[in-house]
Amino acid sequence: METTRQRIADALREEPRTADDLAETLSLPTPVVYEHLDHVSRSVREGGDGDGGGADEEFLVAPPACRDCGFDGFDDLVNEPSRCPECKSERIEEPAFVIR
């Protein structure tokens, strides 16, 4: 049986996903998915995630972006920001993740 992190990694190998997408698919709270994503990203960077992933894989992130001003320079990409540091808007597009 696969672990939650293996299921997340497998889903990210299929297509880009947001944490909300993964939370819905895996029936997990979104904050828990972000915790797992942090571990999956580190495992991929270190040369595989223990479930057949190769060392040549990359964990890629389409950064969050403000829907009002377009700001996309957030510091922590494996996190869901609550507010734009530029315009203070809360209309933030969720980051998307993929393993290639």
N, C-alpha and C. Protein backbone atom coordinates (compact mmCIF):
# COMPACT_ATOMS: atom_id res chain seq x y z
N MET A 1 0.84 -1.18 0.00
CA MET A 1 0.00 0.00 0.00
C MET A 1 0.89 1.25 0.00
N GLU A 2 0.53 2.24 -0.80
CA GLU A 2 1.31 3.45 -0.93
C GLU A 2 1.09 4.40 0.25
N THR A 3 2.13 5.12 0.58
CA THR A 3 2.00 6.16 1.60
C THR A 3 1.34 7.39 0.97
N THR A 4 0.90 8.30 1.81
CA THR A 4 0.30 9.54 1.31
C THR A 4 1.30 10.30 0.45
N ARG A 5 2.54 10.36 0.86
CA ARG A 5 3.55 11.08 0.08
C ARG A 5 3.79 10.42 -1.27
N GLN A 6 3.77 9.10 -1.30
CA GLN A 6 3.92 8.41 -2.58
C GLN A 6 2.73 8.70 -3.49
N ARG A 7 1.54 8.74 -2.92
CA ARG A 7 0.34 9.05 -3.72
C ARG A 7 0.41 10.47 -4.27
N ILE A 8 0.90 11.41 -3.45
CA ILE A 8 1.06 12.79 -3.91
C ILE A 8 2.09 12.85 -5.03
N ALA A 9 3.23 12.20 -4.85
CA ALA A 9 4.28 12.20 -5.87
C ALA A 9 3.76 11.59 -7.17
N ASP A 10 3.04 10.49 -7.08
CA ASP A 10 2.48 9.86 -8.28
C ASP A 10 1.51 10.80 -8.99
N ALA A 11 0.67 11.49 -8.24
CA ALA A 11 -0.29 12.44 -8.84
C ALA A 11 0.45 13.58 -9.53
N LEU A 12 1.55 14.04 -8.93
CA LEU A 12 2.31 15.15 -9.52
C LEU A 12 3.10 14.72 -10.75
N ARG A 13 3.35 13.45 -10.89
CA ARG A 13 4.02 12.95 -12.09
C ARG A 13 3.04 12.90 -13.27
N GLU A 14 1.76 12.83 -12.99
CA GLU A 14 0.73 12.75 -14.04
C GLU A 14 0.45 14.11 -14.65
N GLU A 15 0.29 15.12 -13.79
CA GLU A 15 -0.06 16.46 -14.26
C GLU A 15 0.13 17.47 -13.13
N PRO A 16 0.25 18.75 -13.46
CA PRO A 16 0.36 19.77 -12.40
C PRO A 16 -0.90 19.78 -11.54
N ARG A 17 -0.70 19.95 -10.25
CA ARG A 17 -1.81 19.98 -9.30
C ARG A 17 -1.58 21.05 -8.26
N THR A 18 -2.67 21.61 -7.76
CA THR A 18 -2.59 22.52 -6.63
C THR A 18 -2.81 21.71 -5.35
N ALA A 19 -2.50 22.32 -4.23
CA ALA A 19 -2.72 21.65 -2.95
C ALA A 19 -4.21 21.38 -2.74
N ASP A 20 -5.07 22.29 -3.16
CA ASP A 20 -6.51 22.05 -3.04
C ASP A 20 -6.95 20.85 -3.88
N ASP A 21 -6.41 20.73 -5.09
CA ASP A 21 -6.72 19.56 -5.94
C ASP A 21 -6.33 18.27 -5.22
N LEU A 22 -5.10 18.26 -4.70
CA LEU A 22 -4.61 17.06 -4.02
C LEU A 22 -5.42 16.78 -2.75
N ALA A 23 -5.77 17.81 -2.02
CA ALA A 23 -6.56 17.63 -0.80
C ALA A 23 -7.90 16.98 -1.12
N GLU A 24 -8.53 17.44 -2.18
CA GLU A 24 -9.82 16.87 -2.56
C GLU A 24 -9.66 15.42 -3.03
N THR A 25 -8.66 15.17 -3.85
CA THR A 25 -8.42 13.82 -4.37
C THR A 25 -8.10 12.83 -3.27
N LEU A 26 -7.28 13.26 -2.30
CA LEU A 26 -6.81 12.36 -1.24
C LEU A 26 -7.61 12.45 0.05
N SER A 27 -8.63 13.29 0.06
CA SER A 27 -9.47 13.49 1.26
C SER A 27 -8.64 13.89 2.47
N LEU A 28 -7.81 14.91 2.27
CA LEU A 28 -6.97 15.43 3.34
C LEU A 28 -7.20 16.93 3.47
N PRO A 29 -6.95 17.50 4.65
CA PRO A 29 -7.00 18.96 4.78
C PRO A 29 -5.85 19.59 3.99
N THR A 30 -6.10 20.72 3.39
CA THR A 30 -5.09 21.40 2.58
C THR A 30 -3.79 21.68 3.35
N PRO A 31 -3.84 22.13 4.62
CA PRO A 31 -2.57 22.35 5.34
C PRO A 31 -1.72 21.08 5.46
N VAL A 32 -2.37 19.93 5.59
CA VAL A 32 -1.64 18.66 5.68
C VAL A 32 -0.97 18.35 4.34
N VAL A 33 -1.66 18.65 3.24
CA VAL A 33 -1.08 18.44 1.92
C VAL A 33 0.17 19.29 1.76
N TYR A 34 0.13 20.55 2.22
CA TYR A 34 1.32 21.41 2.12
C TYR A 34 2.49 20.82 2.90
N GLU A 35 2.23 20.22 4.06
CA GLU A 35 3.30 19.58 4.83
C GLU A 35 3.92 18.43 4.03
N HIS A 36 3.06 17.62 3.41
CA HIS A 36 3.55 16.50 2.60
C HIS A 36 4.30 17.01 1.38
N LEU A 37 3.81 18.08 0.74
CA LEU A 37 4.48 18.63 -0.43
C LEU A 37 5.90 19.08 -0.09
N ASP A 38 6.08 19.65 1.08
CA ASP A 38 7.42 20.07 1.51
C ASP A 38 8.35 18.86 1.56
N HIS A 39 7.89 17.75 2.11
CA HIS A 39 8.71 16.54 2.20
C HIS A 39 8.96 15.93 0.82
N VAL A 40 7.92 15.91 -0.01
CA VAL A 40 8.07 15.36 -1.37
C VAL A 40 9.10 16.18 -2.14
N SER A 41 9.04 17.51 -2.01
CA SER A 41 9.98 18.36 -2.75
C SER A 41 11.41 18.07 -2.31
N ARG A 42 11.63 17.91 -1.01
CA ARG A 42 12.98 17.61 -0.53
C ARG A 42 13.45 16.24 -0.99
N SER A 43 12.56 15.26 -0.98
CA SER A 43 12.92 13.91 -1.43
C SER A 43 13.32 13.90 -2.89
N VAL A 44 12.58 14.62 -3.72
CA VAL A 44 12.90 14.68 -5.15
C VAL A 44 14.24 15.37 -5.36
N ARG A 45 14.48 16.47 -4.63
CA ARG A 45 15.77 17.19 -4.73
C ARG A 45 16.94 16.31 -4.32
N GLU A 46 16.70 15.41 -3.37
CA GLU A 46 17.78 14.56 -2.85
C GLU A 46 18.00 13.32 -3.70
N GLY A 47 17.27 13.20 -4.81
CA GLY A 47 17.56 12.12 -5.74
C GLY A 47 16.58 10.97 -5.73
N GLY A 48 15.34 11.23 -5.51
CA GLY A 48 14.32 10.19 -5.54
C GLY A 48 13.52 10.20 -4.28
N ASP A 49 12.27 9.72 -4.39
CA ASP A 49 11.38 9.76 -3.24
C ASP A 49 11.10 8.39 -2.66
N GLY A 50 11.88 7.39 -3.06
CA GLY A 50 11.71 6.08 -2.46
C GLY A 50 10.61 5.25 -3.10
N ASP A 51 9.97 5.74 -4.16
CA ASP A 51 8.90 4.96 -4.78
C ASP A 51 9.15 4.77 -6.27
N GLY A 52 10.39 4.72 -6.65
CA GLY A 52 10.71 4.48 -8.04
C GLY A 52 11.02 5.75 -8.81
N GLY A 53 10.95 6.88 -8.15
CA GLY A 53 11.28 8.14 -8.82
C GLY A 53 12.77 8.21 -9.08
N GLY A 54 13.12 8.74 -10.20
CA GLY A 54 14.53 8.79 -10.58
C GLY A 54 15.22 10.03 -10.07
N ALA A 55 16.54 9.95 -10.04
CA ALA A 55 17.35 11.08 -9.59
C ALA A 55 17.31 12.23 -10.57
N ASP A 56 16.85 11.97 -11.79
CA ASP A 56 16.80 13.02 -12.80
C ASP A 56 15.50 13.81 -12.76
N GLU A 57 14.65 13.55 -11.80
CA GLU A 57 13.38 14.26 -11.69
C GLU A 57 13.56 15.61 -11.01
N GLU A 58 12.63 16.51 -11.31
CA GLU A 58 12.61 17.82 -10.67
C GLU A 58 11.22 18.08 -10.10
N PHE A 59 11.18 18.70 -8.95
CA PHE A 59 9.94 19.17 -8.34
C PHE A 59 9.79 20.63 -8.76
N LEU A 60 8.82 20.92 -9.61
CA LEU A 60 8.65 22.26 -10.13
C LEU A 60 7.41 22.91 -9.56
N VAL A 61 7.49 24.23 -9.39
CA VAL A 61 6.38 24.99 -8.81
C VAL A 61 6.04 26.17 -9.71
N ALA A 62 4.77 26.26 -10.09
CA ALA A 62 4.28 27.48 -10.72
C ALA A 62 3.90 28.37 -9.55
N PRO A 63 4.61 29.48 -9.34
CA PRO A 63 4.45 30.25 -8.10
C PRO A 63 3.05 30.85 -7.95
N PRO A 64 2.68 31.09 -6.70
CA PRO A 64 1.41 31.80 -6.48
C PRO A 64 1.53 33.19 -7.08
N ALA A 65 0.40 33.74 -7.46
CA ALA A 65 0.40 35.08 -8.06
C ALA A 65 -0.83 35.85 -7.57
N CYS A 66 -0.63 37.13 -7.37
CA CYS A 66 -1.74 37.99 -6.98
C CYS A 66 -2.63 38.22 -8.19
N ARG A 67 -3.90 38.01 -8.03
CA ARG A 67 -4.84 38.20 -9.13
C ARG A 67 -5.14 39.68 -9.37
N ASP A 68 -4.79 40.52 -8.42
CA ASP A 68 -5.06 41.96 -8.59
C ASP A 68 -3.89 42.70 -9.22
N CYS A 69 -2.66 42.48 -8.71
CA CYS A 69 -1.52 43.26 -9.22
C CYS A 69 -0.51 42.41 -9.99
N GLY A 70 -0.64 41.08 -9.95
CA GLY A 70 0.26 40.21 -10.69
C GLY A 70 1.53 39.83 -9.97
N PHE A 71 1.74 40.30 -8.74
CA PHE A 71 2.95 39.98 -7.99
C PHE A 71 3.12 38.46 -7.87
N ASP A 72 4.33 37.95 -8.18
CA ASP A 72 4.59 36.52 -8.05
C ASP A 72 5.94 36.22 -7.41
N GLY A 73 6.46 37.17 -6.66
CA GLY A 73 7.77 37.01 -6.03
C GLY A 73 7.71 36.52 -4.59
N PHE A 74 6.80 35.62 -4.31
CA PHE A 74 6.66 35.11 -2.94
C PHE A 74 7.90 34.31 -2.55
N ASP A 75 8.29 34.39 -1.28
CA ASP A 75 9.50 33.74 -0.78
C ASP A 75 9.38 32.22 -0.70
N ASP A 76 8.30 31.73 -0.11
CA ASP A 76 8.12 30.30 0.12
C ASP A 76 7.14 29.76 -0.90
N LEU A 77 7.65 29.05 -1.91
CA LEU A 77 6.78 28.57 -2.98
C LEU A 77 5.95 27.36 -2.59
N VAL A 78 6.37 26.61 -1.57
CA VAL A 78 5.60 25.47 -1.12
C VAL A 78 4.77 25.90 0.09
N ASN A 79 3.93 26.87 -0.16
CA ASN A 79 3.08 27.44 0.89
C ASN A 79 1.99 28.24 0.18
N GLU A 80 0.87 28.40 0.84
CA GLU A 80 -0.20 29.21 0.27
C GLU A 80 -0.23 30.55 0.98
N PRO A 81 0.23 31.60 0.32
CA PRO A 81 0.22 32.91 0.97
C PRO A 81 -1.21 33.40 1.15
N SER A 82 -1.41 34.16 2.20
CA SER A 82 -2.77 34.65 2.47
C SER A 82 -2.99 36.06 1.95
N ARG A 83 -1.90 36.78 1.70
CA ARG A 83 -2.03 38.18 1.28
C ARG A 83 -0.84 38.58 0.43
N CYS A 84 -1.10 39.44 -0.54
CA CYS A 84 -0.04 39.95 -1.40
C CYS A 84 0.77 41.00 -0.64
N PRO A 85 2.10 40.88 -0.62
CA PRO A 85 2.91 41.87 0.08
C PRO A 85 2.94 43.24 -0.63
N GLU A 86 2.61 43.25 -1.90
CA GLU A 86 2.62 44.50 -2.67
C GLU A 86 1.34 45.32 -2.48
N CYS A 87 0.20 44.69 -2.78
CA CYS A 87 -1.07 45.44 -2.77
C CYS A 87 -2.00 45.04 -1.64
N LYS A 88 -1.60 44.04 -0.84
CA LYS A 88 -2.36 43.56 0.32
C LYS A 88 -3.64 42.81 -0.05
N SER A 89 -3.83 42.52 -1.32
CA SER A 89 -5.00 41.76 -1.77
C SER A 89 -4.94 40.34 -1.22
N GLU A 90 -6.08 39.76 -0.97
CA GLU A 90 -6.17 38.37 -0.55
C GLU A 90 -6.54 37.46 -1.73
N ARG A 91 -6.61 38.03 -2.91
CA ARG A 91 -6.95 37.26 -4.11
C ARG A 91 -5.67 36.67 -4.72
N ILE A 92 -5.21 35.59 -4.12
CA ILE A 92 -3.96 34.97 -4.51
C ILE A 92 -4.25 33.65 -5.23
N GLU A 93 -3.68 33.52 -6.42
CA GLU A 93 -3.80 32.27 -7.16
C GLU A 93 -2.89 31.23 -6.51
N GLU A 94 -3.42 30.07 -6.27
CA GLU A 94 -2.70 29.01 -5.58
C GLU A 94 -1.53 28.49 -6.43
N PRO A 95 -0.41 28.15 -5.80
CA PRO A 95 0.71 27.58 -6.56
C PRO A 95 0.31 26.19 -7.10
N ALA A 96 0.93 25.80 -8.20
CA ALA A 96 0.72 24.48 -8.78
C ALA A 96 2.05 23.74 -8.77
N PHE A 97 1.99 22.43 -8.58
CA PHE A 97 3.18 21.61 -8.42
C PHE A 97 3.17 20.48 -9.44
N VAL A 98 4.37 20.09 -9.89
CA VAL A 98 4.51 18.96 -10.80
C VAL A 98 5.90 18.36 -10.62
N ILE A 99 5.99 17.06 -10.86
CA ILE A 99 7.29 16.38 -10.88
C ILE A 99 7.54 15.95 -12.31
N ARG A 100 8.67 16.41 -12.86
CA ARG A 100 9.05 16.08 -14.25
C ARG A 100 10.41 15.43 -14.27
